[in-house]
C-alpha atoms as a PDB file:
ATOM      1  CA  MET A   1      -0.402 -57.375 -57.055  1.00  0.00           C
ATOM      2  CA  LYS A   2       2.600 -58.658 -59.028  1.00  0.00           C
ATOM      3  CA  LEU A   3       2.171 -58.907 -62.804  1.00  0.00           C
ATOM      4  CA  GLU A   4       2.800 -62.657 -62.612  1.00  0.00           C
ATOM      5  CA  ASP A   5      -0.032 -63.053 -60.102  1.00  0.00           C
ATOM      6  CA  LYS A   6      -2.346 -60.857 -62.172  1.00  0.00           C
ATOM      7  CA  ILE A   7      -1.700 -63.009 -65.238  1.00  0.00           C
ATOM      8  CA  LYS A   8      -2.324 -66.164 -63.239  1.00  0.00           C
ATOM      9  CA  SER A   9      -5.654 -64.957 -61.861  1.00  0.00           C
ATOM     10  CA  MET A  10      -6.982 -63.228 -64.981  1.00  0.00           C
ATOM     11  CA  LYS A  11      -9.868 -64.762 -66.908  1.00  0.00           C
ATOM     12  CA  LYS A  12      -8.641 -66.168 -70.217  1.00  0.00           C
ATOM     13  CA  ILE A  13      -9.958 -67.107 -73.643  1.00  0.00           C
ATOM     14  CA  GLU A  14      -8.511 -69.799 -75.927  1.00  0.00           C
ATOM     15  CA  LEU A  15      -9.643 -69.926 -79.567  1.00  0.00           C
ATOM     16  CA  HIS A  16      -6.972 -72.080 -81.227  1.00  0.00           C
ATOM     17  CA  LEU A  17      -6.564 -75.357 -79.377  1.00  0.00           C
ATOM     18  CA  HIS A  18      -6.160 -78.843 -80.854  1.00  0.00           C
ATOM     19  CA  LEU A  19      -7.593 -81.696 -78.802  1.00  0.00           C
ATOM     20  CA  ASP A  20      -5.181 -84.349 -80.056  1.00  0.00           C
ATOM     21  CA  GLY A  21      -2.197 -82.062 -79.451  1.00  0.00           C
ATOM     22  CA  SER A  22      -3.163 -81.504 -75.818  1.00  0.00           C
ATOM     23  CA  LEU A  23      -3.336 -84.969 -74.247  1.00  0.00           C
ATOM     24  CA  ARG A  24      -1.976 -85.857 -70.831  1.00  0.00           C
ATOM     25  CA  SER A  25       1.044 -88.156 -71.145  1.00  0.00           C
ATOM     26  CA  SER A  26      -0.231 -90.219 -68.215  1.00  0.00           C
ATOM     27  CA  THR A  27      -3.541 -90.825 -70.001  1.00  0.00           C
ATOM     28  CA  VAL A  28      -1.814 -91.901 -73.220  1.00  0.00           C
ATOM     29  CA  TYR A  29       0.324 -94.255 -71.121  1.00  0.00           C
ATOM     30  CA  ASP A  30      -2.755 -95.780 -69.485  1.00  0.00           C
ATOM     31  CA  ILE A  31      -4.575 -96.203 -72.795  1.00  0.00           C
ATOM     32  CA  LEU A  32      -1.567 -97.861 -74.426  1.00  0.00           C
ATOM     33  CA  ASN A  33      -1.216-100.212 -71.464  1.00  0.00           C
ATOM     34  CA  SER A  34      -4.844-101.236 -71.781  1.00  0.00           C
ATOM     35  CA  MET A  35      -4.346-101.849 -75.519  1.00  0.00           C
ATOM     36  CA  ASP A  36      -1.134-103.894 -75.133  1.00  0.00           C
ATOM     37  CA  LYS A  37      -1.726-107.178 -73.335  1.00  0.00           C
ATOM     38  CA  ASN A  38       1.999-108.062 -73.528  1.00  0.00           C
ATOM     39  CA  ASN A  39       3.113-105.119 -71.385  1.00  0.00           C
ATOM     40  CA  ASN A  40       5.531-103.755 -73.956  1.00  0.00           C
ATOM     41  CA  ILE A  41       4.722-100.136 -73.206  1.00  0.00           C
ATOM     42  CA  VAL A  42       7.574 -97.688 -72.654  1.00  0.00           C
ATOM     43  CA  SER A  43       7.665 -95.336 -69.673  1.00  0.00           C
ATOM     44  CA  ILE A  44       5.544 -92.229 -69.243  1.00  0.00           C
ATOM     45  CA  GLU A  45       8.726 -90.199 -69.763  1.00  0.00           C
ATOM     46  CA  GLU A  46       9.304 -91.837 -73.146  1.00  0.00           C
ATOM     47  CA  ILE A  47       5.684 -91.254 -74.107  1.00  0.00           C
ATOM     48  CA  LYS A  48       6.016 -87.598 -73.232  1.00  0.00           C
ATOM     49  CA  LYS A  49       9.017 -87.388 -75.581  1.00  0.00           C
ATOM     50  CA  MET A  50       6.892 -88.960 -78.312  1.00  0.00           C
ATOM     51  CA  LEU A  51       4.152 -86.372 -77.756  1.00  0.00           C
ATOM     52  CA  THR A  52       6.306 -83.256 -77.350  1.00  0.00           C
ATOM     53  CA  VAL A  53       8.735 -81.277 -79.492  1.00  0.00           C
ATOM     54  CA  ASP A  54      11.563 -79.027 -78.366  1.00  0.00           C
ATOM     55  CA  LYS A  55      13.543 -76.157 -79.840  1.00  0.00           C
ATOM     56  CA  ASN A  56      15.252 -78.578 -82.237  1.00  0.00           C
ATOM     57  CA  CYS A  57      12.015 -79.201 -84.147  1.00  0.00           C
ATOM     58  CA  SER A  58      12.843 -78.353 -87.777  1.00  0.00           C
ATOM     59  CA  SER A  59       9.475 -77.723 -89.437  1.00  0.00           C
ATOM     60  CA  LEU A  60       5.683 -77.953 -89.356  1.00  0.00           C
ATOM     61  CA  ASN A  61       5.916 -81.392 -90.979  1.00  0.00           C
ATOM     62  CA  GLN A  62       8.129 -82.686 -88.132  1.00  0.00           C
ATOM     63  CA  TYR A  63       5.785 -81.042 -85.636  1.00  0.00           C
ATOM     64  CA  LEU A  64       2.844 -82.916 -87.166  1.00  0.00           C
ATOM     65  CA  GLU A  65       4.622 -86.242 -86.531  1.00  0.00           C
ATOM     66  CA  ARG A  66       3.763 -85.795 -82.832  1.00  0.00           C
ATOM     67  CA  PHE A  67       0.129 -86.529 -83.702  1.00  0.00           C
ATOM     68  CA  GLU A  68       0.755 -90.151 -84.715  1.00  0.00           C
ATOM     69  CA  LEU A  69       0.473 -91.511 -81.172  1.00  0.00           C
ATOM     70  CA  PRO A  70      -2.656 -89.473 -80.315  1.00  0.00           C
ATOM     71  CA  SER A  71      -4.265 -90.779 -83.486  1.00  0.00           C
ATOM     72  CA  LYS A  72      -3.527 -94.328 -82.374  1.00  0.00           C
ATOM     73  CA  VAL A  73      -5.154 -93.974 -78.945  1.00  0.00           C
ATOM     74  CA  LEU A  74      -8.158 -91.847 -79.941  1.00  0.00           C
ATOM     75  CA  GLN A  75     -10.129 -94.497 -81.803  1.00  0.00           C
ATOM     76  CA  THR A  76     -12.815 -95.286 -79.211  1.00  0.00           C
ATOM     77  CA  LYS A  77     -15.754 -93.297 -77.897  1.00  0.00           C
ATOM     78  CA  GLU A  78     -14.550 -93.738 -74.326  1.00  0.00           C
ATOM     79  CA  ASN A  79     -11.079 -92.378 -75.013  1.00  0.00           C
ATOM     80  CA  LEU A  80     -12.394 -89.387 -76.967  1.00  0.00           C
ATOM     81  CA  LYS A  81     -14.749 -88.519 -74.143  1.00  0.00           C
ATOM     82  CA  LYS A  82     -12.050 -88.953 -71.488  1.00  0.00           C
ATOM     83  CA  VAL A  83      -9.397 -86.758 -73.117  1.00  0.00           C
ATOM     84  CA  THR A  84     -11.924 -84.008 -73.827  1.00  0.00           C
ATOM     85  CA  PHE A  85     -13.023 -83.950 -70.195  1.00  0.00           C
ATOM     86  CA  GLU A  86      -9.386 -83.876 -69.038  1.00  0.00           C
ATOM     87  CA  LEU A  87      -8.448 -81.010 -71.358  1.00  0.00           C
ATOM     88  CA  ILE A  88     -11.323 -78.944 -70.007  1.00  0.00           C
ATOM     89  CA  GLU A  89     -10.198 -79.702 -66.458  1.00  0.00           C
ATOM     90  CA  ASP A  90      -6.727 -78.455 -67.382  1.00  0.00           C
ATOM     91  CA  LEU A  91      -8.193 -75.282 -68.921  1.00  0.00           C
ATOM     92  CA  LYS A  92     -10.178 -74.535 -65.770  1.00  0.00           C
ATOM     93  CA  LYS A  93      -6.967 -74.674 -63.697  1.00  0.00           C
ATOM     94  CA  GLU A  94      -5.747 -71.734 -65.818  1.00  0.00           C
ATOM     95  CA  ASN A  95      -8.922 -69.706 -65.338  1.00  0.00           C
ATOM     96  CA  VAL A  96      -9.944 -70.174 -68.968  1.00  0.00           C
ATOM     97  CA  ILE A  97     -13.608 -69.149 -69.125  1.00  0.00           C
ATOM     98  CA  TYR A  98     -14.174 -69.875 -72.817  1.00  0.00           C
ATOM     99  CA  ALA A  99     -12.431 -72.240 -75.224  1.00  0.00           C
ATOM    100  CA  GLU A 100     -12.958 -73.465 -78.745  1.00  0.00           C
ATOM    101  CA  ILE A 101     -11.447 -76.956 -79.037  1.00  0.00           C
ATOM    102  CA  ARG A 102     -10.742 -78.290 -82.507  1.00  0.00           C
ATOM    103  CA  PHE A 103     -10.188 -81.769 -83.880  1.00  0.00           C
ATOM    104  CA  ALA A 104     -10.626 -83.678 -87.161  1.00  0.00           C
ATOM    105  CA  PRO A 105     -13.317 -86.404 -87.045  1.00  0.00           C
ATOM    106  CA  GLN A 106     -11.756 -88.188 -90.031  1.00  0.00           C
ATOM    107  CA  LEU A 107      -8.639 -89.002 -87.978  1.00  0.00           C
ATOM    108  CA  HIS A 108     -10.675 -91.161 -85.590  1.00  0.00           C
ATOM    109  CA  ILE A 109     -12.491 -93.559 -87.951  1.00  0.00           C
ATOM    110  CA  LYS A 110      -9.744 -96.214 -88.221  1.00  0.00           C
ATOM    111  CA  GLU A 111     -11.454 -98.660 -85.854  1.00  0.00           C
ATOM    112  CA  GLY A 112     -14.947 -98.248 -87.266  1.00  0.00           C
ATOM    113  CA  LEU A 113     -16.352 -95.220 -85.446  1.00  0.00           C
ATOM    114  CA  SER A 114     -18.763 -93.087 -87.435  1.00  0.00           C
ATOM    115  CA  PHE A 115     -18.542 -89.288 -87.559  1.00  0.00           C
ATOM    116  CA  ASP A 116     -21.651 -89.254 -85.371  1.00  0.00           C
ATOM    117  CA  ASP A 117     -19.964 -91.522 -82.801  1.00  0.00           C
ATOM    118  CA  ILE A 118     -16.881 -89.322 -82.739  1.00  0.00           C
ATOM    119  CA  VAL A 119     -18.533 -85.926 -82.497  1.00  0.00           C
ATOM    120  CA  SER A 120     -21.155 -87.032 -79.964  1.00  0.00           C
ATOM    121  CA  SER A 121     -18.428 -88.591 -77.765  1.00  0.00           C
ATOM    122  CA  VAL A 122     -16.368 -85.399 -77.711  1.00  0.00           C
ATOM    123  CA  ILE A 123     -19.531 -83.368 -76.991  1.00  0.00           C
ATOM    124  CA  SER A 124     -20.308 -85.752 -74.130  1.00  0.00           C
ATOM    125  CA  GLY A 125     -16.859 -85.197 -72.609  1.00  0.00           C
ATOM    126  CA  MET A 126     -17.234 -81.467 -73.114  1.00  0.00           C
ATOM    127  CA  ASN A 127     -20.650 -81.379 -71.449  1.00  0.00           C
ATOM    128  CA  GLU A 128     -19.316 -83.303 -68.460  1.00  0.00           C
ATOM    129  CA  GLY A 129     -16.337 -80.938 -68.154  1.00  0.00           C
ATOM    130  CA  THR A 130     -18.458 -77.798 -68.342  1.00  0.00           C
ATOM    131  CA  LYS A 131     -21.415 -78.826 -66.150  1.00  0.00           C
ATOM    132  CA  ASP A 132     -20.023 -76.866 -63.185  1.00  0.00           C
ATOM    133  CA  GLU A 133     -20.370 -73.744 -65.407  1.00  0.00           C
ATOM    134  CA  LYS A 134     -16.870 -72.522 -64.586  1.00  0.00           C
ATOM    135  CA  ILE A 135     -16.050 -72.651 -68.287  1.00  0.00           C
ATOM    136  CA  LYS A 136     -17.948 -72.586 -71.575  1.00  0.00           C
ATOM    137  CA  CYS A 137     -16.640 -74.547 -74.573  1.00  0.00           C
ATOM    138  CA  ASN A 138     -17.452 -75.201 -78.193  1.00  0.00           C
ATOM    139  CA  LEU A 139     -15.985 -77.492 -80.835  1.00  0.00           C
ATOM    140  CA  ILE A 140     -14.438 -76.665 -84.195  1.00  0.00           C
ATOM    141  CA  LEU A 141     -14.350 -79.616 -86.612  1.00  0.00           C
ATOM    142  CA  CYS A 142     -11.244 -79.701 -88.805  1.00  0.00           C
ATOM    143  CA  CYS A 143     -11.233 -80.659 -92.434  1.00  0.00           C
ATOM    144  CA  MET A 144      -7.791 -81.931 -93.476  1.00  0.00           C
ATOM    145  CA  ARG A 145      -5.433 -81.003 -96.250  1.00  0.00           C
ATOM    146  CA  GLY A 146      -4.597 -83.963 -98.506  1.00  0.00           C
ATOM    147  CA  ASN A 147      -5.168 -85.525-101.913  1.00  0.00           C
ATOM    148  CA  ASN A 148      -7.615 -88.307-101.175  1.00  0.00           C
ATOM    149  CA  ASN A 149     -10.015 -87.109 -98.500  1.00  0.00           C
ATOM    150  CA  LYS A 150     -12.546 -84.929-100.283  1.00  0.00           C
ATOM    151  CA  LYS A 151     -15.447 -87.135 -99.132  1.00  0.00           C
ATOM    152  CA  GLU A 152     -14.292 -86.983 -95.493  1.00  0.00           C
ATOM    153  CA  ASN A 153     -13.971 -83.200 -95.696  1.00  0.00           C
ATOM    154  CA  ILE A 154     -17.466 -82.851 -97.123  1.00  0.00           C
ATOM    155  CA  ASP A 155     -18.771 -85.216 -94.422  1.00  0.00           C
ATOM    156  CA  THR A 156     -17.063 -83.006 -91.810  1.00  0.00           C
ATOM    157  CA  VAL A 157     -18.931 -79.924 -93.018  1.00  0.00           C
ATOM    158  CA  HIS A 158     -22.241 -81.803 -92.918  1.00  0.00           C
ATOM    159  CA  ILE A 159     -21.672 -83.236 -89.429  1.00  0.00           C
ATOM    160  CA  ALA A 160     -20.744 -79.730 -88.266  1.00  0.00           C
ATOM    161  CA  LYS A 161     -24.080 -78.510 -89.605  1.00  0.00           C
ATOM    162  CA  LYS A 162     -25.897 -81.312 -87.802  1.00  0.00           C
ATOM    163  CA  TYR A 163     -24.361 -80.400 -84.430  1.00  0.00           C
ATOM    164  CA  LEU A 164     -24.172 -76.634 -84.980  1.00  0.00           C
ATOM    165  CA  GLY A 165     -25.368 -74.900 -81.827  1.00  0.00           C
ATOM    166  CA  LYS A 166     -25.353 -78.246 -80.012  1.00  0.00           C
ATOM    167  CA  GLY A 167     -21.661 -78.242 -79.124  1.00  0.00           C
ATOM    168  CA  VAL A 168     -20.140 -77.461 -82.519  1.00  0.00           C
ATOM    169  CA  CYS A 169     -19.583 -73.846 -83.562  1.00  0.00           C
ATOM    170  CA  ALA A 170     -17.507 -73.963 -86.785  1.00  0.00           C
ATOM    171  CA  ILE A 171     -15.164 -75.839 -89.115  1.00  0.00           C
ATOM    172  CA  ASP A 172     -11.484 -75.372 -89.926  1.00  0.00           C
ATOM    173  CA  LEU A 173      -8.911 -76.516 -92.488  1.00  0.00           C
ATOM    174  CA  ALA A 174      -5.747 -77.969 -90.937  1.00  0.00           C
ATOM    175  CA  GLY A 175      -2.717 -80.024 -91.960  1.00  0.00           C
ATOM    176  CA  ALA A 176       0.419 -79.617 -94.055  1.00  0.00           C
ATOM    177  CA  GLU A 177      -0.228 -76.149 -95.463  1.00  0.00           C
ATOM    178  CA  ALA A 178       2.940 -75.841 -97.540  1.00  0.00           C
ATOM    179  CA  ILE A 179       2.329 -79.184 -99.303  1.00  0.00           C
ATOM    180  CA  TYR A 180      -1.437 -78.913 -99.834  1.00  0.00           C
ATOM    181  CA  LYS A 181      -2.194 -75.338-100.863  1.00  0.00           C
ATOM    182  CA  THR A 182      -5.184 -73.531 -99.406  1.00  0.00           C
ATOM    183  CA  ASN A 183      -6.579 -72.672-102.834  1.00  0.00           C
ATOM    184  CA  GLU A 184      -7.169 -76.384-103.491  1.00  0.00           C
ATOM    185  CA  PHE A 185      -9.932 -76.520-100.857  1.00  0.00           C
ATOM    186  CA  GLU A 186     -12.424 -73.924-102.015  1.00  0.00           C
ATOM    187  CA  TYR A 187     -15.088 -76.671-102.230  1.00  0.00           C
ATOM    188  CA  ILE A 188     -15.104 -76.935 -98.424  1.00  0.00           C
ATOM    189  CA  PHE A 189     -15.942 -73.292 -97.863  1.00  0.00           C
ATOM    190  CA  ASP A 190     -18.376 -73.060-100.763  1.00  0.00           C
ATOM    191  CA  LEU A 191     -20.361 -75.821 -99.051  1.00  0.00           C
ATOM    192  CA  ALA A 192     -19.970 -74.248 -95.603  1.00  0.00           C
ATOM    193  CA  LYS A 193     -21.334 -70.936 -96.883  1.00  0.00           C
ATOM    194  CA  LYS A 194     -24.170 -72.682 -98.685  1.00  0.00           C
ATOM    195  CA  ILE A 195     -25.412 -74.533 -95.594  1.00  0.00           C
ATOM    196  CA  GLY A 196     -24.538 -71.878 -93.024  1.00  0.00           C
ATOM    197  CA  VAL A 197     -21.514 -73.258 -91.162  1.00  0.00           C
ATOM    198  CA  PRO A 198     -19.021 -70.672 -89.806  1.00  0.00           C
ATOM    199  CA  TYR A 199     -15.312 -71.268 -90.391  1.00  0.00           C
ATOM    200  CA  THR A 200     -11.749 -70.366 -89.585  1.00  0.00           C
ATOM    201  CA  ILE A 201      -8.796 -71.444 -91.760  1.00  0.00           C
ATOM    202  CA  HIS A 202      -5.186 -72.300 -90.945  1.00  0.00           C
ATOM    203  CA  ALA A 203      -3.281 -69.911 -93.223  1.00  0.00           C
ATOM    204  CA  GLY A 204      -0.019 -67.989 -93.139  1.00  0.00           C
ATOM    205  CA  GLU A 205       1.900 -70.477 -91.008  1.00  0.00           C
ATOM    206  CA  ALA A 206       3.967 -72.905 -93.109  1.00  0.00           C
ATOM    207  CA  ASP A 207       2.805 -71.197 -96.294  1.00  0.00           C
ATOM    208  CA  GLY A 208       2.933 -67.487 -97.024  1.00  0.00           C
ATOM    209  CA  LYS A 209       0.780 -64.691 -98.395  1.00  0.00           C
ATOM    210  CA  ASP A 210      -0.876 -66.768-101.129  1.00  0.00           C
ATOM    211  CA  SER A 211      -2.404 -69.016 -98.492  1.00  0.00           C
ATOM    212  CA  ILE A 212      -3.766 -65.991 -96.631  1.00  0.00           C
ATOM    213  CA  LYS A 213      -5.093 -64.485 -99.855  1.00  0.00           C
ATOM    214  CA  SER A 214      -6.999 -67.696-100.587  1.00  0.00           C
ATOM    215  CA  ALA A 215      -8.405 -67.901 -97.056  1.00  0.00           C
ATOM    216  CA  MET A 216      -9.586 -64.292 -97.164  1.00  0.00           C
ATOM    217  CA  PHE A 217     -10.977 -64.778-100.679  1.00  0.00           C
ATOM    218  CA  PHE A 218     -13.025 -67.686 -99.255  1.00  0.00           C
ATOM    219  CA  GLY A 219     -14.419 -65.232 -96.721  1.00  0.00           C
ATOM    220  CA  ALA A 220     -12.533 -66.276 -93.575  1.00  0.00           C
ATOM    221  CA  LYS A 221     -12.762 -63.669 -90.802  1.00  0.00           C
ATOM    222  CA  ARG A 222     -10.395 -65.675 -88.621  1.00  0.00           C
ATOM    223  CA  LEU A 223      -7.019 -67.089 -89.600  1.00  0.00           C
ATOM    224  CA  GLY A 224      -5.230 -69.850 -87.726  1.00  0.00           C
ATOM    225  CA  HIS A 225      -1.770 -68.331 -87.103  1.00  0.00           C
ATOM    226  CA  GLY A 226      -1.806 -65.921 -90.062  1.00  0.00           C
ATOM    227  CA  ILE A 227       1.343 -64.122 -88.977  1.00  0.00           C
ATOM    228  CA  ARG A 228       2.981 -64.166 -92.406  1.00  0.00           C
ATOM    229  CA  ILE A 229       0.485 -61.498 -93.387  1.00  0.00           C
ATOM    230  CA  ILE A 230       3.276 -59.151 -92.280  1.00  0.00           C
ATOM    231  CA  GLU A 231       4.981 -60.016 -95.599  1.00  0.00           C
ATOM    232  CA  ASP A 232       2.316 -58.223 -97.687  1.00  0.00           C
ATOM    233  CA  GLU A 233       1.400 -54.635 -96.846  1.00  0.00           C
ATOM    234  CA  LYS A 234      -1.651 -54.578 -99.115  1.00  0.00           C
ATOM    235  CA  LEU A 235      -3.005 -57.802 -97.619  1.00  0.00           C
ATOM    236  CA  LEU A 236      -2.329 -56.506 -94.130  1.00  0.00           C
ATOM    237  CA  LYS A 237      -4.342 -53.354 -94.771  1.00  0.00           C
ATOM    238  CA  GLU A 238      -7.182 -55.453 -96.192  1.00  0.00           C
ATOM    239  CA  ALA A 239      -7.210 -57.665 -93.084  1.00  0.00           C
ATOM    240  CA  ILE A 240      -7.433 -54.628 -90.824  1.00  0.00           C
ATOM    241  CA  GLN A 241     -10.192 -53.122 -92.962  1.00  0.00           C
ATOM    242  CA  LYS A 242     -12.176 -56.383 -92.965  1.00  0.00           C
ATOM    243  CA  ASN A 243     -11.691 -56.889 -89.209  1.00  0.00           C
ATOM    244  CA  VAL A 244      -9.933 -60.237 -89.694  1.00  0.00           C
ATOM    245  CA  THR A 245      -8.704 -61.844 -86.468  1.00  0.00           C
ATOM    246  CA  LEU A 246      -5.432 -63.763 -86.159  1.00  0.00           C
ATOM    247  CA  GLU A 247      -5.268 -66.795 -83.853  1.00  0.00           C
ATOM    248  CA  VAL A 248      -1.591 -66.377 -82.920  1.00  0.00           C
ATOM    249  CA  CYS A 249       0.327 -69.221 -81.202  1.00  0.00           C
ATOM    250  CA  PRO A 250       3.836 -67.890 -80.406  1.00  0.00           C
ATOM    251  CA  THR A 251       5.566 -70.987 -78.980  1.00  0.00           C
ATOM    252  CA  SER A 252       4.137 -73.195 -81.716  1.00  0.00           C
ATOM    253  CA  ASN A 253       5.406 -70.714 -84.322  1.00  0.00           C
ATOM    254  CA  LEU A 254       8.891 -71.092 -82.860  1.00  0.00           C
ATOM    255  CA  HIS A 255       8.665 -74.877 -82.950  1.00  0.00           C
ATOM    256  CA  THR A 256       7.451 -75.033 -86.547  1.00  0.00           C
ATOM    257  CA  LYS A 257      10.123 -72.522 -87.600  1.00  0.00           C
ATOM    258  CA  VAL A 258       7.664 -69.943 -88.902  1.00  0.00           C
ATOM    259  CA  VAL A 259      10.031 -67.617 -87.040  1.00  0.00           C
ATOM    260  CA  SER A 260      13.577 -68.455 -86.032  1.00  0.00           C
ATOM    261  CA  SER A 261      13.477 -66.589 -82.715  1.00  0.00           C
ATOM    262  CA  ILE A 262      10.885 -64.876 -80.534  1.00  0.00           C
ATOM    263  CA  SER A 263      12.506 -61.501 -81.198  1.00  0.00           C
ATOM    264  CA  LEU A 264      11.645 -61.912 -84.899  1.00  0.00           C
ATOM    265  CA  HIS A 265       8.001 -62.794 -84.240  1.00  0.00           C
ATOM    266  CA  PRO A 266       5.734 -60.124 -85.801  1.00  0.00           C
ATOM    267  CA  VAL A 267       3.045 -60.324 -83.093  1.00  0.00           C
ATOM    268  CA  TYR A 268       3.944 -56.996 -81.483  1.00  0.00           C
ATOM    269  CA  GLU A 269       4.212 -55.158 -84.794  1.00  0.00           C
ATOM    270  CA  LEU A 270       0.902 -56.599 -85.988  1.00  0.00           C
ATOM    271  CA  TYR A 271      -0.800 -55.651 -82.733  1.00  0.00           C
ATOM    272  CA  LYS A 272       0.495 -52.086 -82.860  1.00  0.00           C
ATOM    273  CA  LEU A 273      -0.632 -51.770 -86.484  1.00  0.00           C
ATOM    274  CA  GLY A 274      -4.180 -52.519 -85.360  1.00  0.00           C
ATOM    275  CA  VAL A 275      -4.625 -56.170 -86.324  1.00  0.00           C
ATOM    276  CA  ASN A 276      -7.031 -58.134 -84.123  1.00  0.00           C
ATOM    277  CA  ILE A 277      -4.585 -60.411 -82.299  1.00  0.00           C
ATOM    278  CA  THR A 278      -5.554 -63.285 -80.020  1.00  0.00           C
ATOM    279  CA  ILE A 279      -3.057 -65.456 -78.131  1.00  0.00           C
ATOM    280  CA  ASN A 280      -3.398 -69.233 -78.028  1.00  0.00           C
ATOM    281  CA  THR A 281      -1.448 -72.388 -77.231  1.00  0.00           C
ATOM    282  CA  ASP A 282      -2.218 -74.408 -80.398  1.00  0.00           C
ATOM    283  CA  ASN A 283      -1.124 -77.721 -78.856  1.00  0.00           C
ATOM    284  CA  ARG A 284      -0.547 -77.685 -75.136  1.00  0.00           C
ATOM    285  CA  THR A 285       1.272 -81.023 -74.987  1.00  0.00           C
ATOM    286  CA  VAL A 286       3.146 -80.920 -78.294  1.00  0.00           C
ATOM    287  CA  SER A 287       4.512 -77.457 -77.507  1.00  0.00           C
ATOM    288  CA  ASN A 288       4.629 -78.087 -73.734  1.00  0.00           C
ATOM    289  CA  THR A 289       2.896 -74.797 -73.009  1.00  0.00           C
ATOM    290  CA  THR A 290      -0.037 -73.039 -71.352  1.00  0.00           C
ATOM    291  CA  LEU A 291      -1.716 -69.688 -71.908  1.00  0.00           C
ATOM    292  CA  GLU A 292       0.194 -68.315 -68.928  1.00  0.00           C
ATOM    293  CA  ASN A 293       3.439 -69.381 -70.612  1.00  0.00           C
ATOM    294  CA  GLU A 294       2.384 -67.706 -73.853  1.00  0.00           C
ATOM    295  CA  TYR A 295       1.544 -64.448 -72.081  1.00  0.00           C
ATOM    296  CA  LYS A 296       4.855 -64.541 -70.173  1.00  0.00           C
ATOM    297  CA  LEU A 297       6.745 -65.079 -73.432  1.00  0.00           C
ATOM    298  CA  LEU A 298       5.161 -61.942 -74.866  1.00  0.00           C
ATOM    299  CA  LEU A 299       5.616 -59.834 -71.737  1.00  0.00           C
ATOM    300  CA  ASP A 300       9.271 -60.862 -71.389  1.00  0.00           C
ATOM    301  CA  ASN A 301      10.239 -60.225 -74.999  1.00  0.00           C
ATOM    302  CA  PHE A 302       8.127 -57.291 -76.158  1.00  0.00           C
ATOM    303  CA  SER A 303       6.707 -54.079 -74.726  1.00  0.00           C
ATOM    304  CA  PHE A 304       3.305 -55.633 -74.114  1.00  0.00           C
ATOM    305  CA  THR A 305       1.463 -54.633 -70.929  1.00  0.00           C
ATOM    306  CA  TYR A 306      -1.157 -56.374 -68.824  1.00  0.00           C
ATOM    307  CA  GLU A 307      -3.734 -54.147 -70.524  1.00  0.00           C
ATOM    308  CA  ASP A 308      -2.581 -55.428 -73.919  1.00  0.00           C
ATOM    309  CA  ILE A 309      -3.042 -59.048 -72.820  1.00  0.00           C
ATOM    310  CA  LEU A 310      -6.484 -58.111 -71.524  1.00  0.00           C
ATOM    311  CA  GLN A 311      -7.317 -56.469 -74.859  1.00  0.00           C
ATOM    312  CA  MET A 312      -6.248 -59.574 -76.753  1.00  0.00           C
ATOM    313  CA  ASN A 313      -8.650 -61.623 -74.621  1.00  0.00           C
ATOM    314  CA  LYS A 314     -11.374 -59.116 -75.487  1.00  0.00           C
ATOM    315  CA  ASN A 315     -10.426 -59.542 -79.149  1.00  0.00           C
ATOM    316  CA  ALA A 316     -10.859 -63.277 -78.721  1.00  0.00           C
ATOM    317  CA  ILE A 317     -14.348 -62.892 -77.283  1.00  0.00           C
ATOM    318  CA  LYS A 318     -15.382 -60.572 -80.110  1.00  0.00           C
ATOM    319  CA  ALA A 319     -14.061 -63.070 -82.694  1.00  0.00           C
ATOM    320  CA  ALA A 320     -15.504 -66.166 -80.987  1.00  0.00           C
ATOM    321  CA  PHE A 321     -18.154 -68.220 -82.728  1.00  0.00           C
ATOM    322  CA  LEU A 322     -20.781 -67.122 -80.219  1.00  0.00           C
ATOM    323  CA  SER A 323     -23.962 -65.074 -80.146  1.00  0.00           C
ATOM    324  CA  ASP A 324     -23.749 -61.387 -79.250  1.00  0.00           C
ATOM    325  CA  VAL A 325     -25.481 -62.125 -75.942  1.00  0.00           C
ATOM    326  CA  GLU A 326     -22.897 -64.788 -75.037  1.00  0.00           C
ATOM    327  CA  LYS A 327     -20.071 -62.437 -75.978  1.00  0.00           C
ATOM    328  CA  GLU A 328     -21.430 -59.693 -73.741  1.00  0.00           C
ATOM    329  CA  GLU A 329     -21.663 -62.125 -70.813  1.00  0.00           C
ATOM    330  CA  LEU A 330     -18.018 -63.111 -71.266  1.00  0.00           C
ATOM    331  CA  LEU A 331     -16.820 -59.522 -71.688  1.00  0.00           C
ATOM    332  CA  LYS A 332     -18.379 -58.648 -68.333  1.00  0.00           C
ATOM    333  CA  MET A 333     -16.250 -61.368 -66.707  1.00  0.00           C
ATOM    334  CA  LEU A 334     -12.945 -59.917 -67.914  1.00  0.00           C
ATOM    335  CA  LYS A 335     -11.028 -57.569 -65.620  1.00  0.00           C
END
């Protein structure tokens, strides 16, 4: 079998996937049309441009601008449920057998929805998408970097605890990492540890080693992106020793200018050094990518083999916010 066909048919795991960055352009178009009674909506092609970046994207901050439109349309229970179901349908087409989908409840309260409304709606869409048992999913609730949202972040940790094991598996910290430093958010993870909520943290993407140091000091065993750990040998050795897993998103890293070209991406070096690497899309629509595209990017530009891609999927299962029994079931499905 050709390598391309093997990659297409292989069972896949996705750990770092943002719901609002992975919407279908056609769905956003339909929602906007239903919201605008005057029919002033631009074409689907224009909407896709508003949702997607290209190689000319200059930074993480510009990348984050692509979430303005998703935020506008994801303010009802129906829309949240619909886009969750659709994302899971898209994942199944790629033979994804387990995914952790993340989103920030506080971004969806503008029209009066409660955190309960929001989380239960996404869980409902997830349950509908997974009822055929072709895929298993969980949700990660994102706290957000910023100056004036401490209450919302604390509420996010508490709502995660309420739904833990009922569709939610963990929390995260996301947002403009270089502007709002990771060390400013220790209160989130102190609370999470206190009430027993697992967590991953975006660190080592737009900000460097200090962000990773803070995340690891808080006890994070998974880092969103985390690739700038290559800049600090001591920190790198500590991550390997502590079995820290990196949720690497190659195309997204190119778009946000964490690296200037794929040849300069440290993913291969980190993998060969023994870091637990997983490969993810980050935002399927914003970066116009799939897991198959991410694997192809690695295979075309580095000396990775099919067995390496398989190992990275095994790494993802071992790092997933799942029970040991669930992990064993998934590992048996990988070939």
